Protein backbone atom coordinates (compact mmCIF):
# COMPACT_ATOMS: atom_id res chain seq x y z
CA MET A 1 170.74 110.77 134.94
CA ALA A 2 173.41 112.74 136.76
CA LYS A 3 175.23 115.22 134.60
CA GLU A 4 178.93 114.93 135.30
CA LYS A 5 180.94 116.58 132.55
CA ILE A 6 180.63 119.36 130.04
CA ILE A 7 181.75 118.94 126.43
CA ASN A 8 182.36 122.12 124.47
CA ILE A 9 182.29 121.87 120.69
CA ARG A 10 182.45 124.44 117.93
CA VAL A 11 180.08 124.18 114.99
CA GLU A 12 179.22 126.40 112.08
CA THR A 13 176.34 128.79 112.71
CA ASP A 14 174.13 127.23 110.04
CA LEU A 15 174.71 123.72 111.39
CA LYS A 16 173.73 124.83 114.89
CA LYS A 17 170.58 126.56 113.61
CA ARG A 18 169.52 123.48 111.67
CA ALA A 19 170.21 121.15 114.59
CA LYS A 20 168.28 123.43 116.94
CA LYS A 21 165.27 123.35 114.62
CA LEU A 22 165.35 119.55 114.60
CA ALA A 23 165.65 119.47 118.39
CA GLU A 24 162.71 121.84 118.78
CA ARG A 25 160.65 119.77 116.37
CA ASP A 26 161.41 116.78 118.61
CA GLY A 27 160.41 118.77 121.71
CA ARG A 28 163.94 118.77 123.12
CA SER A 29 166.66 121.22 123.96
CA LEU A 30 169.63 121.17 121.63
CA SER A 31 171.80 119.72 124.40
CA ASN A 32 169.33 116.90 125.10
CA TRP A 33 168.89 116.20 121.39
CA ILE A 34 172.66 115.85 120.90
CA LEU A 35 172.90 113.61 123.97
CA ARG A 36 170.21 111.33 122.52
CA LEU A 37 172.13 111.10 119.24
CA ILE A 38 175.25 110.03 121.13
CA GLN A 39 173.29 107.44 123.14
CA LYS A 40 171.70 106.08 119.96
CA GLU A 41 175.10 105.59 118.31
CA ILE A 42 176.52 103.88 121.40
CA LYS A 43 173.56 101.45 121.46
CA LYS A 44 174.05 100.69 117.76
CA GLU A 45 177.73 99.96 118.37
CA ALA A 46 176.90 97.71 121.33
CA LYS A 47 174.47 95.70 119.18
CA ARG A 48 177.07 95.42 116.44
CA ASP A 49 179.65 94.17 118.96
CA LYS A 50 177.26 91.45 120.12
CA VAL A 51 176.80 90.25 116.54
CA ASN A 52 180.48 90.65 115.64
CA PRO A 53 182.46 90.68 118.89
CA PRO A 54 186.00 92.04 118.63
CA LYS A 55 188.64 89.40 118.00
CA LYS A 56 190.90 88.70 120.97
CA MET A 57 194.57 89.33 120.42
């Protein structure tokens, strides 16, 4: 997948440390781990939309 944009976010030090540990446990970089979380949520939303499509106005 081509990487097109950079997203900068600020998080508390402890939150970053904990997320990094989870990413390492999963064998991923923190960046890749966060990307997978975003993708997972988008897929969940897409499935939800198929079950309950938005009402047309």
